[in-house]
Amino acid sequence: MEPVIKINPGATKWDIRQKVWDYIEDNNLANFPRPGAFTACTKVSELQVFTQATDVKVDPDKPLEGARLAVLQGVRDFSVPVDLDEKVKVELVVVGSVAVSEKGLRIGKGEGFADLEFGMMASMGAVDASTVVVTIVHDCQVVDIPEEIIESHDLTVDYILTPTRVIKTDCLFPKPHGIFWTKLHTEKLEKIPILKKMLALEEQAGKDVTLGEAPPPAEPGQTGPPKRQTRRRPRQNVHPDDMGESKQENVDSEKKGRQRPPRVRKESRGEGGGGYERGKGKRGENAKEKGPEEGGSEVVSQRKLPLSVTTVYLGGIPAGLRVSELKAALREKEAAPLRLTWQGAQHRAFLDYCDPQAAELALEALQDLNLNGHSLQAELAKSQRGGKRSGQSNRRPRPSTPPKSDTPPADTESDTNEKTEE
């Protein structure tokens, strides 16, 4: 079967990851868990190795929830800690993937956890070359992966389960036979304390446990592996995209990769009054998103905006409309903004343009905008009315109470990442 996503010759692992992520987002496959996840997960119970296995290991990824439920059917002890000294033989391992080839080559999110976990189990004697590895993905994630980018520590798979297919790979590449200590560094050991114990055990056994060097911090503007959150937070995140959008959603999601560090807002916001005061309680927490390793900084925009922008209010957004659908409509109308602030729960969005002339052209193009049978209302945001001087900032003071209707809110700030959904 021909892969849906074409991988160019010479592509790196990060090129493939980004291409798969972009395809999933662009084709509205980004529900969580992904559409078809449970359908694909149910296929694991149809495998002969599953019916014969007594010990099965399934990764804790949300898309693999269906596989965990299948494993737990009829099991009396749902969770039993296993000590390093215990002798356990795992016959089946189920992992997630970003991309996988029909030859069994696999690419994960780039953190190396699946590879490391298999290596740790191999060091314990819990898995070996005969252990069957299964991955569950969407059909679009089955791509051609160049063999030259696969390294000795990379985990390969024996079966690929999709909503429509069960693929036996007959993979010829070996699985990791242990922990590759040169691929780890002291920071990784601090994050995963059990590795310290395993390092001591292997050092006592006379094995080479020389650690590698920690990767240098990314330079501003440097391309490469995007930083991804390793801890999911049940709150809104800010996702920049190709239109400079700040998408606000109250979902468990991961930040997209950055190519330059975010700007930090140093000035004070508003007068500190009302229910949206920053720096206090949960409202204050929403003002900043922290990275997995550091305190982080307030994420406002990933691309540099002009000192002054003109904001257009777009109201009457129908329930269920996806932000990707709105972006497509804006492109079709040739009214794509510098940045789009999405507030779908309030049925509105704010569009930032470089100057009043660009905003006026966009208003003309959007007067007859109709989506899903609903007419959308486009007008200048209230802070833009009244003839502001050229170059004057368009920052709007924060309202003391959240708006409750689709009418344009008075004095609402479009370049903020405050949470507007409860």
Protein backbone atom coordinates (compact mmCIF):
# COMPACT_ATOMS: atom_id res chain seq x y z
CA MET A 1 0.00 0.00 0.00
CA GLU A 2 1.37 3.40 -1.01
CA PRO A 3 2.16 5.67 1.99
CA VAL A 4 -0.07 8.73 2.33
CA ILE A 5 2.84 10.92 3.44
CA LYS A 6 5.83 11.13 1.12
CA ILE A 7 9.23 11.28 2.82
CA ASN A 8 11.96 13.05 0.85
CA PRO A 9 15.38 11.41 0.45
CA GLY A 10 17.81 12.54 3.12
CA ALA A 11 15.06 13.37 5.62
CA THR A 12 16.04 13.32 9.29
CA LYS A 13 13.99 11.89 12.13
CA TRP A 14 12.80 15.39 13.03
CA ASP A 15 11.81 16.05 9.41
CA ILE A 16 9.65 12.92 9.48
CA ARG A 17 8.14 13.76 12.88
CA GLN A 18 7.20 17.27 11.77
CA LYS A 19 5.74 16.04 8.49
CA VAL A 20 3.53 13.48 10.26
CA TRP A 21 2.41 15.98 12.93
CA ASP A 22 1.58 18.59 10.28
CA TYR A 23 -0.41 16.08 8.22
CA ILE A 24 -2.43 15.00 11.27
CA GLU A 25 -3.22 18.63 12.16
CA ASP A 26 -3.99 19.74 8.59
CA ASN A 27 -6.38 16.84 8.00
CA ASN A 28 -8.38 17.29 11.22
CA LEU A 29 -7.13 14.01 12.71
CA ALA A 30 -6.06 15.76 15.89
CA ASN A 31 -8.87 14.75 18.23
CA PHE A 32 -7.56 13.29 21.47
CA PRO A 33 -7.16 10.41 21.39
CA ARG A 34 -6.91 10.34 17.60
CA PRO A 35 -9.90 9.15 15.58
CA GLY A 36 -9.64 5.41 15.05
CA ALA A 37 -7.43 4.88 18.10
CA PHE A 38 -9.83 2.50 19.85
CA THR A 39 -10.56 0.67 16.59
CA ALA A 40 -6.85 0.04 16.10
CA CYS A 41 -6.32 -0.87 19.76
CA THR A 42 -8.97 -3.61 19.67
CA LYS A 43 -6.89 -5.42 17.04
CA VAL A 44 -4.22 -6.22 19.63
CA SER A 45 -6.47 -8.87 21.19
CA GLU A 46 -6.72 -10.58 17.78
CA LEU A 47 -2.98 -11.31 17.64
CA GLN A 48 -1.97 -14.88 18.46
CA VAL A 49 0.93 -13.68 20.59
CA PHE A 50 -1.55 -11.69 22.71
CA THR A 51 -3.71 -14.73 23.48
CA GLN A 52 -0.63 -16.74 24.47
CA ALA A 53 1.14 -14.06 26.52
CA THR A 54 1.10 -14.05 30.31
CA ASP A 55 3.00 -10.76 30.75
CA VAL A 56 2.24 -7.76 28.53
CA LYS A 57 3.71 -4.27 28.76
CA VAL A 58 1.70 -1.33 27.31
CA ASP A 59 2.96 2.25 27.23
CA PRO A 60 0.89 4.82 29.21
CA ASP A 61 0.08 6.94 26.13
CA LYS A 62 -3.55 8.12 25.90
CA PRO A 63 -4.02 6.71 22.35
CA LEU A 64 -3.09 3.25 23.73
CA GLU A 65 -5.87 3.35 26.33
CA GLY A 66 -7.89 0.80 24.35
CA ALA A 67 -4.94 -1.60 24.34
CA ARG A 68 -4.56 -1.28 28.11
CA LEU A 69 -8.26 -2.02 28.57
CA ALA A 70 -7.91 -5.12 26.39
CA VAL A 71 -4.97 -6.30 28.50
CA LEU A 72 -6.84 -5.68 31.76
CA GLN A 73 -9.89 -7.73 30.78
CA GLY A 74 -10.11 -10.57 33.29
CA VAL A 75 -6.94 -9.57 35.16
CA ARG A 76 -7.36 -9.65 38.94
CA ASP A 77 -4.32 -7.56 39.90
CA PHE A 78 -4.35 -4.47 37.75
CA SER A 79 -1.03 -3.07 38.86
CA VAL A 80 1.78 -4.99 40.54
CA PRO A 81 5.17 -3.30 41.06
CA VAL A 82 8.09 -5.36 39.77
CA ASP A 83 11.46 -5.15 41.53
CA LEU A 84 14.68 -5.14 39.56
CA ASP A 85 15.67 -8.47 41.12
CA GLU A 86 12.47 -10.25 40.10
CA LYS A 87 12.59 -12.57 37.13
CA VAL A 88 9.85 -11.57 34.70
CA LYS A 89 9.50 -12.57 31.06
CA VAL A 90 7.47 -10.11 29.00
CA GLU A 91 6.21 -11.72 25.80
CA LEU A 92 4.51 -8.66 24.28
CA VAL A 93 5.30 -4.93 24.35
CA VAL A 94 2.85 -2.33 22.95
CA VAL A 95 4.23 1.12 22.11
CA GLY A 96 3.06 4.28 20.38
CA SER A 97 4.88 5.87 17.45
CA VAL A 98 5.00 9.10 15.47
CA ALA A 99 5.95 7.27 12.29
CA VAL A 100 6.62 3.64 11.38
CA SER A 101 7.54 1.83 8.19
CA GLU A 102 6.25 -1.49 6.90
CA LYS A 103 9.80 -2.79 7.42
CA GLY A 104 9.37 -2.27 11.17
CA LEU A 105 11.47 0.89 11.52
CA ARG A 106 10.01 3.21 14.13
CA ILE A 107 10.33 6.89 15.11
CA GLY A 108 8.97 8.18 18.43
CA LYS A 109 8.51 11.71 19.79
CA GLY A 110 12.26 12.17 20.18
CA GLU A 111 12.59 11.74 23.94
CA GLY A 112 13.84 8.15 23.60
CA PHE A 113 11.61 6.75 26.35
CA ALA A 114 10.32 3.71 24.43
CA ASP A 115 13.87 2.79 23.39
CA LEU A 116 15.14 3.33 26.93
CA GLU A 117 12.33 1.36 28.60
CA PHE A 118 12.95 -1.62 26.31
CA GLY A 119 16.69 -1.37 27.02
CA MET A 120 16.01 -1.29 30.77
CA MET A 121 13.81 -4.39 30.53
CA ALA A 122 16.50 -6.08 28.43
CA SER A 123 19.06 -5.32 31.15
CA MET A 124 16.72 -6.93 33.70
CA GLY A 125 16.29 -9.98 31.46
CA ALA A 126 12.58 -9.28 31.09
CA VAL A 127 12.73 -8.99 27.28
CA ASP A 128 15.00 -10.33 24.57
CA ALA A 129 15.14 -10.63 20.79
CA SER A 130 12.11 -12.95 20.79
CA THR A 131 9.83 -10.42 22.54
CA VAL A 132 7.12 -9.23 20.16
CA VAL A 133 6.80 -5.44 19.83
CA VAL A 134 3.53 -3.98 18.52
CA THR A 135 2.81 -0.34 17.65
CA ILE A 136 -0.64 1.19 17.16
CA VAL A 137 -0.92 4.16 14.79
CA HIS A 138 -3.20 5.85 12.27
CA ASP A 139 -2.92 4.70 8.66
CA CYS A 140 -1.30 8.00 7.67
CA GLN A 141 1.58 7.36 10.10
CA VAL A 142 2.81 4.37 8.09
CA VAL A 143 5.53 5.93 5.92
CA ASP A 144 8.83 5.06 4.26
CA ILE A 145 11.67 5.61 6.75
CA PRO A 146 15.28 5.71 5.48
CA GLU A 147 17.30 2.89 7.03
CA GLU A 148 20.39 5.06 7.47
CA ILE A 149 18.76 7.22 10.18
CA ILE A 150 18.00 4.23 12.42
CA GLU A 151 20.58 3.69 15.18
CA SER A 152 21.48 0.69 17.32
CA HIS A 153 19.47 1.95 20.32
CA ASP A 154 16.27 2.49 18.28
CA LEU A 155 13.40 0.11 18.99
CA THR A 156 11.91 -1.72 16.00
CA VAL A 157 8.46 -3.32 15.77
CA ASP A 158 7.09 -6.68 14.64
CA TYR A 159 3.45 -5.67 14.09
CA ILE A 160 1.74 -2.42 13.07
CA LEU A 161 -1.95 -2.04 13.96
CA THR A 162 -4.03 0.66 12.25
CA PRO A 163 -7.81 1.18 12.12
CA THR A 164 -7.87 -0.70 8.79
CA ARG A 165 -4.85 -3.02 8.75
CA VAL A 166 -2.69 -5.48 10.67
CA ILE A 167 0.84 -5.37 9.22
CA LYS A 168 3.44 -8.05 10.03
CA THR A 169 6.78 -6.38 9.39
CA ASP A 170 9.23 -9.33 9.48
CA CYS A 171 11.75 -6.74 10.66
CA LEU A 172 15.39 -7.70 10.18
CA PHE A 173 16.80 -4.96 12.42
CA PRO A 174 17.77 -6.06 15.96
CA LYS A 175 16.07 -4.65 19.04
CA PRO A 176 18.08 -2.89 21.78
CA HIS A 177 19.91 -5.48 23.89
CA GLY A 178 20.40 -3.21 26.89
CA ILE A 179 20.92 0.38 28.02
CA PHE A 180 23.18 2.49 25.82
CA TRP A 181 24.73 4.61 28.55
CA THR A 182 26.61 6.84 26.10
CA LYS A 183 23.20 8.06 24.89
CA LEU A 184 22.31 9.22 28.43
CA HIS A 185 23.61 12.04 30.60
CA THR A 186 23.42 13.08 34.23
CA GLU A 187 20.28 15.17 33.71
CA LYS A 188 18.43 12.10 32.42
CA LEU A 189 19.51 10.13 35.50
CA GLU A 190 18.16 12.90 37.73
CA LYS A 191 14.79 12.69 35.96
CA ILE A 192 14.63 8.88 36.11
CA PRO A 193 16.06 7.84 39.52
CA ILE A 194 15.79 4.09 38.80
CA LEU A 195 18.53 4.56 36.20
CA LYS A 196 20.98 5.38 39.01
CA LYS A 197 20.34 1.99 40.60
CA MET A 198 20.67 0.21 37.27
CA LEU A 199 23.91 2.07 36.52
CA ALA A 200 25.35 0.93 39.86
CA LEU A 201 24.33 -2.69 39.20
CA GLU A 202 25.88 -2.73 35.74
CA GLU A 203 29.03 -1.03 37.02
CA GLN A 204 29.37 -3.76 39.65
CA ALA A 205 28.98 -6.33 36.87
CA GLY A 206 31.98 -4.79 35.09
CA LYS A 207 30.07 -3.21 32.21
CA ASP A 208 31.03 0.11 30.61
CA VAL A 209 28.64 2.72 32.02
CA THR A 210 30.32 5.85 30.65
CA LEU A 211 27.70 8.57 30.22
CA GLY A 212 27.44 10.91 27.27
CA GLU A 213 27.50 14.70 27.46
CA ALA A 214 24.34 16.70 28.02
CA PRO A 215 23.13 18.39 24.81
CA PRO A 216 24.00 22.11 24.63
CA PRO A 217 21.12 24.57 25.05
CA ALA A 218 19.52 25.61 21.77
CA GLU A 219 20.68 28.96 20.40
CA PRO A 220 18.08 31.57 19.42
CA GLY A 221 16.92 30.92 15.87
CA GLN A 222 18.55 27.49 15.82
CA THR A 223 16.61 24.82 13.97
CA GLY A 224 16.44 21.28 15.26
CA PRO A 225 14.43 19.24 17.70
CA PRO A 226 11.46 21.30 18.91
CA LYS A 227 10.95 21.37 22.63
CA ARG A 228 7.90 19.35 23.62
CA GLN A 229 6.17 19.18 26.97
CA THR A 230 6.69 15.87 28.69
CA ARG A 231 4.01 16.57 31.28
CA ARG A 232 0.43 17.01 30.17
CA ARG A 233 -1.48 19.79 31.89
CA PRO A 234 -5.29 19.91 31.98
CA ARG A 235 -5.41 23.53 30.93
CA GLN A 236 -5.25 25.67 27.83
CA ASN A 237 -2.00 25.86 25.89
CA VAL A 238 -0.90 28.38 23.30
CA HIS A 239 -0.17 26.86 19.88
CA PRO A 240 1.49 29.04 17.24
CA ASP A 241 0.83 28.02 13.65
CA ASP A 242 1.47 29.19 10.12
CA MET A 243 -0.82 32.23 10.54
CA GLY A 244 0.76 33.29 13.84
CA GLU A 245 -2.31 32.04 15.66
CA SER A 246 -2.52 31.80 19.42
CA LYS A 247 -5.02 28.95 19.70
CA GLN A 248 -6.71 28.74 23.10
CA GLU A 249 -8.22 25.39 24.02
CA ASN A 250 -8.95 23.78 27.37
CA VAL A 251 -7.52 20.45 26.32
CA ASP A 252 -4.62 18.20 27.24
CA SER A 253 -2.23 18.99 24.40
CA GLU A 254 1.42 19.35 23.71
CA LYS A 255 3.18 22.45 22.53
CA LYS A 256 4.32 22.52 18.94
CA GLY A 257 8.05 22.83 18.28
CA ARG A 258 9.71 26.22 18.46
CA GLN A 259 12.42 27.58 16.21
CA ARG A 260 13.05 30.64 18.32
CA PRO A 261 12.41 31.41 22.00
CA PRO A 262 9.12 33.07 22.96
CA ARG A 263 8.89 36.74 23.75
CA VAL A 264 8.50 37.65 27.40
CA ARG A 265 5.98 40.29 28.37
CA LYS A 266 7.65 42.43 31.00
CA GLU A 267 5.11 45.21 31.28
CA SER A 268 2.17 45.06 33.66
CA ARG A 269 -1.21 43.96 32.33
CA GLY A 270 -4.16 46.12 33.37
CA GLU A 271 -4.72 47.62 36.80
CA GLY A 272 -4.94 44.36 38.73
CA GLY A 273 -8.70 44.56 39.24
CA GLY A 274 -11.42 42.08 38.38
CA GLY A 275 -11.48 38.34 38.10
CA TYR A 276 -8.66 38.07 35.56
CA GLU A 277 -5.82 39.41 37.68
CA ARG A 278 -2.55 37.68 36.83
CA GLY A 279 -0.17 36.24 39.36
CA LYS A 280 -2.77 35.03 41.84
CA GLY A 281 -4.16 31.54 42.17
CA LYS A 282 -5.07 29.50 39.12
CA ARG A 283 -5.63 32.60 37.01
CA GLY A 284 -2.02 33.53 37.58
CA GLU A 285 -0.90 30.05 36.61
CA ASN A 286 -2.57 30.44 33.23
CA ALA A 287 -0.39 33.44 32.51
CA LYS A 288 2.68 31.26 32.16
CA GLU A 289 3.35 27.87 30.64
CA LYS A 290 6.43 26.20 32.11
CA GLY A 291 8.68 23.90 30.14
CA PRO A 292 9.45 20.36 31.30
CA GLU A 293 12.83 21.24 32.74
CA GLU A 294 12.74 24.90 33.71
CA GLY A 295 10.47 27.55 35.07
CA GLY A 296 9.61 28.73 31.59
CA SER A 297 8.33 32.17 30.55
CA GLU A 298 5.08 33.70 29.42
CA VAL A 299 4.30 32.56 25.89
CA VAL A 300 2.84 35.39 23.85
CA SER A 301 3.93 34.95 20.25
CA GLN A 302 6.48 32.96 18.34
CA ARG A 303 6.98 35.44 15.58
CA LYS A 304 7.83 39.11 15.97
CA LEU A 305 4.76 41.30 15.53
CA PRO A 306 4.81 45.01 14.65
CA LEU A 307 4.87 47.45 17.55
CA SER A 308 1.29 48.37 16.69
CA VAL A 309 -1.33 46.11 15.15
CA THR A 310 -4.97 46.65 14.21
CA THR A 311 -7.37 44.06 15.56
CA VAL A 312 -10.59 42.82 13.96
CA TYR A 313 -13.30 41.16 16.04
CA LEU A 314 -14.96 38.11 14.46
CA GLY A 315 -18.17 37.03 16.22
CA GLY A 316 -20.93 34.49 15.70
CA ILE A 317 -18.56 31.55 15.26
CA PRO A 318 -20.78 28.43 15.24
CA ALA A 319 -20.30 25.70 17.83
CA GLY A 320 -18.17 22.84 16.60
CA LEU A 321 -16.24 24.90 14.06
CA ARG A 322 -12.56 23.94 14.02
CA VAL A 323 -9.90 26.61 14.01
CA SER A 324 -8.39 24.98 10.90
CA GLU A 325 -11.69 25.53 9.07
CA LEU A 326 -11.68 29.21 10.01
CA LYS A 327 -8.08 29.59 8.88
CA ALA A 328 -8.90 27.98 5.54
CA ALA A 329 -11.82 30.38 5.07
CA LEU A 330 -9.60 33.37 5.89
CA ARG A 331 -7.03 32.25 3.36
CA GLU A 332 -9.75 31.79 0.74
CA LYS A 333 -10.94 35.34 1.40
CA GLU A 334 -7.32 36.56 1.26
CA ALA A 335 -7.74 37.91 4.78
CA ALA A 336 -5.13 35.87 6.66
CA PRO A 337 -4.00 37.84 9.76
CA LEU A 338 -0.59 38.15 11.36
CA ARG A 339 -2.03 36.34 14.36
CA LEU A 340 -5.34 34.74 15.22
CA THR A 341 -6.53 34.52 18.83
CA TRP A 342 -9.09 31.71 19.05
CA GLN A 343 -11.85 31.82 21.68
CA GLY A 344 -14.16 29.14 20.31
CA ALA A 345 -16.03 28.59 23.57
CA GLN A 346 -17.13 32.24 23.42
CA HIS A 347 -17.92 31.92 19.67
CA ARG A 348 -15.41 34.58 18.71
CA ALA A 349 -11.89 35.21 17.47
CA PHE A 350 -9.58 38.22 17.18
CA LEU A 351 -7.53 38.86 14.04
CA ASP A 352 -4.40 41.05 14.23
CA TYR A 353 -3.34 42.94 11.07
CA CYS A 354 -0.23 45.00 10.46
CA ASP A 355 -2.00 48.34 9.94
CA PRO A 356 -5.49 49.90 9.64
CA GLN A 357 -5.44 49.63 5.84
CA ALA A 358 -4.90 45.86 5.96
CA ALA A 359 -7.65 45.56 8.58
CA GLU A 360 -10.09 47.53 6.38
CA LEU A 361 -9.37 45.28 3.40
CA ALA A 362 -9.97 42.25 5.59
CA LEU A 363 -13.25 43.71 6.87
CA GLU A 364 -14.47 44.18 3.30
CA ALA A 365 -13.54 40.60 2.41
CA LEU A 366 -15.21 39.16 5.52
CA GLN A 367 -18.56 40.97 5.34
CA ASP A 368 -20.28 38.01 3.66
CA LEU A 369 -18.38 35.27 5.52
CA ASN A 370 -20.64 32.27 6.15
CA LEU A 371 -19.48 29.05 7.80
CA ASN A 372 -21.58 25.96 8.53
CA GLY A 373 -24.75 27.91 7.69
CA HIS A 374 -23.95 30.74 10.13
CA SER A 375 -23.11 34.30 9.16
CA LEU A 376 -20.10 35.68 11.01
CA GLN A 377 -19.88 39.32 12.14
CA ALA A 378 -16.61 41.11 11.36
CA GLU A 379 -15.85 44.57 12.74
CA LEU A 380 -13.00 46.49 14.30
CA ALA A 381 -12.40 45.48 17.89
CA LYS A 382 -13.78 48.12 20.26
CA SER A 383 -10.32 49.28 21.32
CA GLN A 384 -9.62 50.11 17.65
CA ARG A 385 -12.57 52.46 17.28
CA GLY A 386 -12.41 56.18 17.89
CA GLY A 387 -9.51 57.06 15.59
CA LYS A 388 -6.36 56.05 17.38
CA ARG A 389 -3.18 57.70 16.16
CA SER A 390 -0.90 55.72 13.91
CA GLY A 391 1.60 53.71 15.90
CA GLN A 392 -0.47 53.80 19.09
CA SER A 393 -0.66 50.49 20.92
CA ASN A 394 -3.88 48.54 20.63
CA ARG A 395 -3.67 46.89 24.03
CA ARG A 396 -7.10 46.61 25.55
CA PRO A 397 -7.63 46.64 29.34
CA ARG A 398 -8.88 43.36 30.74
CA PRO A 399 -12.62 43.08 31.61
CA SER A 400 -13.55 42.63 35.24
CA THR A 401 -16.02 39.85 34.41
CA PRO A 402 -15.94 37.30 31.60
CA PRO A 403 -18.25 38.02 28.63
CA LYS A 404 -21.38 35.89 28.39
CA SER A 405 -22.60 36.53 24.86
CA ASP A 406 -21.46 36.55 21.25
CA THR A 407 -21.56 40.36 21.07
CA PRO A 408 -18.20 42.10 20.72
CA PRO A 409 -16.76 42.38 24.24
CA ALA A 410 -15.85 45.81 25.51
CA ASP A 411 -12.13 46.31 26.02
CA THR A 412 -10.95 42.76 25.43
CA GLU A 413 -7.27 42.13 24.79
CA SER A 414 -6.47 40.02 21.74
CA ASP A 415 -2.74 39.63 22.29
CA THR A 416 -3.09 37.82 25.60
CA ASN A 417 -3.00 34.13 26.37
CA GLU A 418 -5.43 34.36 29.29
CA LYS A 419 -7.86 31.49 29.74
CA THR A 420 -11.42 32.45 28.89
CA GLU A 421 -13.02 29.04 29.37
CA GLU A 422 -13.90 27.61 32.73
